Amino acid sequence: MVKISSLWELTDEKLIEAYHKATLLNLDENFIEMLIEEIDNRGIESFKIEYVS
């Protein structure tokens, strides 16, 4: 299980990369939501949600 605190260790670029790969691989929706929440918490403005389920 991924701890949310582990997401803090990712750079913004790696976090967005993880999000894109997770959606591409159609990983667990809860995991993707966790990534989106962290992206929102960081206030990453250039981020566009391209989530495809």
C-alpha atoms as a PDB file:
ATOM      1  CA  MET A   1       0.000   0.000   0.000  1.00  0.00           C
ATOM      2  CA  VAL A   2       1.258   3.465  -0.871  1.00  0.00           C
ATOM      3  CA  LYS A   3       1.427   5.904   1.995  1.00  0.00           C
ATOM      4  CA  ILE A   4       0.256   9.413   1.148  1.00  0.00           C
ATOM      5  CA  SER A   5       3.431  10.755   2.753  1.00  0.00           C
ATOM      6  CA  SER A   6       5.366   8.943   0.022  1.00  0.00           C
ATOM      7  CA  LEU A   7       3.751  11.222  -2.540  1.00  0.00           C
ATOM      8  CA  TRP A   8       5.344  14.237  -0.850  1.00  0.00           C
ATOM      9  CA  GLU A   9       8.742  12.883  -1.813  1.00  0.00           C
ATOM     10  CA  LEU A  10       7.927  13.062  -5.530  1.00  0.00           C
ATOM     11  CA  THR A  11       8.837  16.117  -7.544  1.00  0.00           C
ATOM     12  CA  ASP A  12       5.948  17.848  -9.299  1.00  0.00           C
ATOM     13  CA  GLU A  13       7.145  16.428 -12.604  1.00  0.00           C
ATOM     14  CA  LYS A  14       7.310  12.870 -11.262  1.00  0.00           C
ATOM     15  CA  LEU A  15       3.878  13.238  -9.660  1.00  0.00           C
ATOM     16  CA  ILE A  16       2.322  14.298 -12.959  1.00  0.00           C
ATOM     17  CA  GLU A  17       4.205  11.516 -14.755  1.00  0.00           C
ATOM     18  CA  ALA A  18       2.843   9.008 -12.232  1.00  0.00           C
ATOM     19  CA  TYR A  19      -0.677  10.330 -12.819  1.00  0.00           C
ATOM     20  CA  HIS A  20      -0.374  10.033 -16.594  1.00  0.00           C
ATOM     21  CA  LYS A  21       1.022   6.495 -16.379  1.00  0.00           C
ATOM     22  CA  ALA A  22      -1.647   5.458 -13.872  1.00  0.00           C
ATOM     23  CA  THR A  23      -4.428   6.654 -16.168  1.00  0.00           C
ATOM     24  CA  LEU A  24      -2.779   5.109 -19.221  1.00  0.00           C
ATOM     25  CA  LEU A  25      -2.542   1.754 -17.447  1.00  0.00           C
ATOM     26  CA  ASN A  26      -6.048   2.174 -16.036  1.00  0.00           C
ATOM     27  CA  LEU A  27      -4.855   1.589 -12.473  1.00  0.00           C
ATOM     28  CA  ASP A  28      -7.108   1.636  -9.428  1.00  0.00           C
ATOM     29  CA  GLU A  29      -9.423   4.651  -9.384  1.00  0.00           C
ATOM     30  CA  ASN A  30      -8.677   5.329  -5.697  1.00  0.00           C
ATOM     31  CA  PHE A  31      -4.956   5.524  -6.463  1.00  0.00           C
ATOM     32  CA  ILE A  32      -5.591   7.940  -9.322  1.00  0.00           C
ATOM     33  CA  GLU A  33      -7.807  10.076  -7.069  1.00  0.00           C
ATOM     34  CA  MET A  34      -5.012  10.148  -4.492  1.00  0.00           C
ATOM     35  CA  LEU A  35      -2.611  11.449  -7.151  1.00  0.00           C
ATOM     36  CA  ILE A  36      -5.131  14.085  -8.260  1.00  0.00           C
ATOM     37  CA  GLU A  37      -5.610  15.198  -4.657  1.00  0.00           C
ATOM     38  CA  GLU A  38      -1.859  15.650  -4.196  1.00  0.00           C
ATOM     39  CA  ILE A  39      -1.642  17.578  -7.482  1.00  0.00           C
ATOM     40  CA  ASP A  40      -4.466  19.844  -6.288  1.00  0.00           C
ATOM     41  CA  ASN A  41      -2.832  20.283  -2.867  1.00  0.00           C
ATOM     42  CA  ARG A  42       0.353  21.458  -4.563  1.00  0.00           C
ATOM     43  CA  GLY A  43      -1.585  23.928  -6.680  1.00  0.00           C
ATOM     44  CA  ILE A  44      -0.054  22.741  -9.926  1.00  0.00           C
ATOM     45  CA  GLU A  45      -1.778  25.131 -12.340  1.00  0.00           C
ATOM     46  CA  SER A  46      -0.484  23.745 -15.620  1.00  0.00           C
ATOM     47  CA  PHE A  47      -2.025  20.370 -14.887  1.00  0.00           C
ATOM     48  CA  LYS A  48      -4.932  19.254 -17.068  1.00  0.00           C
ATOM     49  CA  ILE A  49      -6.991  16.261 -15.998  1.00  0.00           C
ATOM     50  CA  GLU A  50      -7.042  13.725 -18.794  1.00  0.00           C
ATOM     51  CA  TYR A  51      -8.439  10.850 -16.794  1.00  0.00           C
ATOM     52  CA  VAL A  52      -9.901   8.137 -18.976  1.00  0.00           C
ATOM     53  CA  SER A  53     -11.638   5.280 -17.220  1.00  0.00           C
END
